[in-house]
């Protein structure tokens, strides 16, 4: 299972590390950002379908930034799946 690292843009979290195995998300870790919320997101998404998760989280906005940590995760997942 390869680890993926994504440098975020426009949010408080600076990086997202995660793994995808058999289309499922594992070991999601946000660097920076709101610890309680991002740890909860990581726990809730453990083992979730990567494609469905990206569709669900895409476009989520944080305080008018045009993106959010969840949206950045969706972008990271899509970039990884498109490789």
N, C-alpha and C. Protein backbone atom coordinates (compact mmCIF):
# COMPACT_ATOMS: atom_id res chain seq x y z
N UNK A 1 0.86 -1.17 0.00
CA UNK A 1 0.00 0.00 0.00
C UNK A 1 0.91 1.23 0.00
N UNK A 2 0.85 2.01 -1.06
CA UNK A 2 1.70 3.19 -1.20
C UNK A 2 1.10 4.37 -0.45
N UNK A 3 1.97 5.15 0.18
CA UNK A 3 1.52 6.36 0.86
C UNK A 3 1.56 7.52 -0.11
N UNK A 4 0.53 8.36 -0.03
CA UNK A 4 0.43 9.53 -0.88
C UNK A 4 0.51 10.77 -0.01
N UNK A 5 1.22 11.78 -0.51
CA UNK A 5 1.36 13.05 0.19
C UNK A 5 0.87 14.15 -0.72
N UNK A 6 0.01 15.00 -0.17
CA UNK A 6 -0.56 16.11 -0.93
C UNK A 6 -0.33 17.40 -0.18
N UNK A 7 0.30 18.37 -0.84
CA UNK A 7 0.51 19.70 -0.27
C UNK A 7 -0.75 20.51 -0.55
N UNK A 8 -1.39 20.98 0.49
CA UNK A 8 -2.66 21.70 0.36
C UNK A 8 -2.45 23.15 -0.05
N UNK A 9 -3.54 23.79 -0.42
CA UNK A 9 -3.51 25.20 -0.82
C UNK A 9 -4.77 25.88 -0.32
N UNK A 10 -4.62 27.03 0.34
CA UNK A 10 -5.76 27.83 0.75
C UNK A 10 -6.43 27.42 2.04
N UNK A 11 -5.82 26.49 2.78
CA UNK A 11 -6.40 26.03 4.04
C UNK A 11 -5.34 26.02 5.14
N UNK A 12 -5.79 25.83 6.37
CA UNK A 12 -4.87 25.83 7.51
C UNK A 12 -3.97 24.59 7.53
N UNK A 13 -4.52 23.44 7.16
CA UNK A 13 -3.69 22.24 7.08
C UNK A 13 -2.71 22.42 5.92
N UNK A 14 -1.48 22.03 6.12
CA UNK A 14 -0.46 22.23 5.09
C UNK A 14 -0.21 20.98 4.24
N UNK A 15 -0.62 19.82 4.75
CA UNK A 15 -0.33 18.58 4.04
C UNK A 15 -1.33 17.51 4.47
N UNK A 16 -1.61 16.61 3.53
CA UNK A 16 -2.46 15.45 3.83
C UNK A 16 -1.71 14.21 3.35
N UNK A 17 -1.55 13.25 4.25
CA UNK A 17 -0.95 11.96 3.91
C UNK A 17 -2.05 10.90 4.02
N UNK A 18 -2.06 9.97 3.09
CA UNK A 18 -3.09 8.92 3.10
C UNK A 18 -2.64 7.77 2.22
N UNK A 19 -3.35 6.67 2.36
CA UNK A 19 -3.11 5.49 1.54
C UNK A 19 -4.44 5.07 0.91
N UNK A 20 -4.34 4.48 -0.27
CA UNK A 20 -5.49 3.87 -0.92
C UNK A 20 -5.11 2.44 -1.28
N UNK A 21 -5.92 1.50 -0.79
CA UNK A 21 -5.70 0.10 -1.12
C UNK A 21 -7.03 -0.50 -1.54
N UNK A 22 -7.06 -1.12 -2.70
CA UNK A 22 -8.29 -1.71 -3.23
C UNK A 22 -9.43 -0.69 -3.24
N UNK A 23 -9.10 0.57 -3.56
CA UNK A 23 -10.11 1.60 -3.67
C UNK A 23 -10.59 2.17 -2.35
N UNK A 24 -9.98 1.76 -1.24
CA UNK A 24 -10.40 2.20 0.09
C UNK A 24 -9.33 3.09 0.73
N UNK A 25 -9.79 4.09 1.49
CA UNK A 25 -8.89 5.03 2.17
C UNK A 25 -8.39 4.46 3.48
N UNK A 26 -7.11 4.75 3.77
CA UNK A 26 -6.51 4.30 5.03
C UNK A 26 -5.49 5.33 5.51
N UNK A 27 -5.33 5.38 6.82
CA UNK A 27 -4.26 6.16 7.47
C UNK A 27 -4.21 7.62 7.02
N UNK A 28 -5.35 8.29 7.03
CA UNK A 28 -5.41 9.71 6.64
C UNK A 28 -4.86 10.56 7.79
N UNK A 29 -3.88 11.40 7.48
CA UNK A 29 -3.28 12.27 8.49
C UNK A 29 -3.17 13.68 7.90
N UNK A 30 -3.77 14.65 8.58
CA UNK A 30 -3.66 16.05 8.20
C UNK A 30 -2.56 16.68 9.05
N UNK A 31 -1.70 17.49 8.44
CA UNK A 31 -0.70 18.25 9.17
C UNK A 31 -1.21 19.68 9.29
N UNK A 32 -1.38 20.14 10.52
CA UNK A 32 -1.93 21.47 10.76
C UNK A 32 -3.45 21.42 10.72
N UNK A 33 -4.06 22.59 10.71
CA UNK A 33 -5.51 22.66 10.67
C UNK A 33 -6.14 22.50 12.04
N UNK A 34 -7.41 22.20 12.07
CA UNK A 34 -8.18 22.05 13.32
C UNK A 34 -8.09 20.60 13.78
N UNK A 35 -7.25 20.31 14.77
CA UNK A 35 -6.97 18.92 15.12
C UNK A 35 -8.18 18.05 15.42
N UNK A 36 -9.09 18.53 16.23
CA UNK A 36 -10.25 17.70 16.59
C UNK A 36 -11.09 17.33 15.39
N UNK A 37 -11.41 18.31 14.56
CA UNK A 37 -12.23 18.05 13.38
C UNK A 37 -11.52 17.15 12.38
N UNK A 38 -10.25 17.39 12.15
CA UNK A 38 -9.52 16.61 11.14
C UNK A 38 -9.24 15.20 11.62
N UNK A 39 -9.03 15.02 12.91
CA UNK A 39 -8.87 13.66 13.44
C UNK A 39 -10.19 12.90 13.31
N UNK A 40 -11.30 13.60 13.53
CA UNK A 40 -12.61 12.95 13.38
C UNK A 40 -12.85 12.55 11.93
N UNK A 41 -12.53 13.45 10.99
CA UNK A 41 -12.68 13.12 9.57
C UNK A 41 -11.86 11.89 9.23
N UNK A 42 -10.62 11.85 9.72
CA UNK A 42 -9.74 10.70 9.44
C UNK A 42 -10.33 9.41 9.97
N UNK A 43 -10.88 9.44 11.18
CA UNK A 43 -11.48 8.23 11.76
C UNK A 43 -12.73 7.81 10.99
N UNK A 44 -13.57 8.77 10.65
CA UNK A 44 -14.81 8.46 9.94
C UNK A 44 -14.56 7.89 8.55
N UNK A 45 -13.47 8.31 7.93
CA UNK A 45 -13.20 7.88 6.55
C UNK A 45 -12.31 6.64 6.45
N UNK A 46 -11.83 6.13 7.56
CA UNK A 46 -10.99 4.92 7.52
C UNK A 46 -11.76 3.78 6.87
N UNK A 47 -11.22 3.26 5.77
CA UNK A 47 -11.84 2.15 5.06
C UNK A 47 -12.94 2.56 4.09
N UNK A 48 -13.20 3.86 3.97
CA UNK A 48 -14.25 4.34 3.07
C UNK A 48 -13.81 4.24 1.61
N UNK A 49 -14.77 4.12 0.73
CA UNK A 49 -14.49 4.09 -0.70
C UNK A 49 -13.91 5.45 -1.13
N UNK A 50 -12.75 5.42 -1.75
CA UNK A 50 -12.03 6.65 -2.10
C UNK A 50 -12.81 7.50 -3.09
N UNK A 51 -13.34 6.90 -4.13
CA UNK A 51 -14.06 7.65 -5.15
C UNK A 51 -15.33 8.29 -4.59
N UNK A 52 -16.09 7.54 -3.81
CA UNK A 52 -17.31 8.08 -3.20
C UNK A 52 -16.99 9.20 -2.23
N UNK A 53 -15.90 9.05 -1.48
CA UNK A 53 -15.49 10.09 -0.54
C UNK A 53 -15.13 11.37 -1.27
N UNK A 54 -14.39 11.26 -2.36
CA UNK A 54 -14.01 12.45 -3.13
C UNK A 54 -15.25 13.16 -3.66
N UNK A 55 -16.23 12.41 -4.14
CA UNK A 55 -17.47 13.01 -4.64
C UNK A 55 -18.23 13.71 -3.52
N UNK A 56 -18.26 13.10 -2.34
CA UNK A 56 -18.98 13.65 -1.19
C UNK A 56 -18.34 14.95 -0.68
N UNK A 57 -17.01 14.99 -0.63
CA UNK A 57 -16.31 16.12 -0.01
C UNK A 57 -15.98 17.25 -0.98
N UNK A 58 -15.99 16.98 -2.26
CA UNK A 58 -15.61 17.98 -3.27
C UNK A 58 -16.51 19.20 -3.19
N UNK A 59 -15.90 20.38 -3.14
CA UNK A 59 -16.63 21.63 -3.14
C UNK A 59 -16.99 22.15 -1.76
N UNK A 60 -16.69 21.39 -0.71
CA UNK A 60 -16.95 21.85 0.65
C UNK A 60 -16.12 23.11 0.92
N UNK A 61 -16.76 24.17 1.40
CA UNK A 61 -16.08 25.46 1.57
C UNK A 61 -15.90 25.80 3.05
N UNK A 62 -14.77 26.42 3.36
CA UNK A 62 -14.48 26.87 4.72
C UNK A 62 -14.38 28.40 4.72
N UNK A 63 -15.36 29.03 5.31
CA UNK A 63 -15.34 30.48 5.52
C UNK A 63 -15.08 31.30 4.26
N UNK A 64 -15.67 30.91 3.16
CA UNK A 64 -15.55 31.66 1.92
C UNK A 64 -14.21 31.57 1.23
N UNK A 65 -13.41 30.59 1.58
CA UNK A 65 -12.08 30.42 0.97
C UNK A 65 -12.14 29.77 -0.41
N UNK A 66 -13.29 29.20 -0.73
CA UNK A 66 -13.41 28.49 -1.99
C UNK A 66 -12.90 27.07 -1.92
N UNK A 67 -12.44 26.66 -0.76
CA UNK A 67 -11.95 25.30 -0.52
C UNK A 67 -12.02 25.04 0.98
N UNK A 68 -11.64 23.86 1.39
CA UNK A 68 -11.58 23.48 2.80
C UNK A 68 -10.63 22.30 2.91
N UNK A 69 -10.34 21.89 4.12
CA UNK A 69 -9.48 20.71 4.28
C UNK A 69 -10.14 19.49 3.66
N UNK A 70 -11.46 19.36 3.81
CA UNK A 70 -12.19 18.24 3.20
C UNK A 70 -12.13 18.31 1.68
N UNK A 71 -12.31 19.50 1.13
CA UNK A 71 -12.21 19.70 -0.31
C UNK A 71 -10.80 19.37 -0.80
N UNK A 72 -9.80 19.78 -0.05
CA UNK A 72 -8.42 19.47 -0.42
C UNK A 72 -8.17 17.97 -0.41
N UNK A 73 -8.78 17.26 0.54
CA UNK A 73 -8.66 15.80 0.55
C UNK A 73 -9.31 15.22 -0.71
N UNK A 74 -10.46 15.74 -1.09
CA UNK A 74 -11.13 15.27 -2.31
C UNK A 74 -10.22 15.49 -3.53
N UNK A 75 -9.60 16.65 -3.61
CA UNK A 75 -8.69 16.94 -4.72
C UNK A 75 -7.52 15.95 -4.71
N UNK A 76 -6.96 15.71 -3.53
CA UNK A 76 -5.83 14.78 -3.40
C UNK A 76 -6.23 13.37 -3.84
N UNK A 77 -7.40 12.92 -3.41
CA UNK A 77 -7.87 11.59 -3.80
C UNK A 77 -8.04 11.51 -5.31
N UNK A 78 -8.69 12.51 -5.90
CA UNK A 78 -8.90 12.50 -7.35
C UNK A 78 -7.58 12.49 -8.11
N UNK A 79 -6.63 13.30 -7.67
CA UNK A 79 -5.31 13.31 -8.33
C UNK A 79 -4.65 11.95 -8.25
N UNK A 80 -4.77 11.30 -7.12
CA UNK A 80 -4.17 9.98 -6.92
C UNK A 80 -4.86 8.93 -7.80
N UNK A 81 -6.18 8.97 -7.84
CA UNK A 81 -6.92 8.00 -8.65
C UNK A 81 -6.71 8.20 -10.14
N UNK A 82 -6.42 9.44 -10.55
CA UNK A 82 -6.23 9.74 -11.96
C UNK A 82 -4.85 9.33 -12.48
N UNK A 83 -3.96 8.95 -11.59
CA UNK A 83 -2.60 8.57 -12.01
C UNK A 83 -2.58 7.22 -12.67
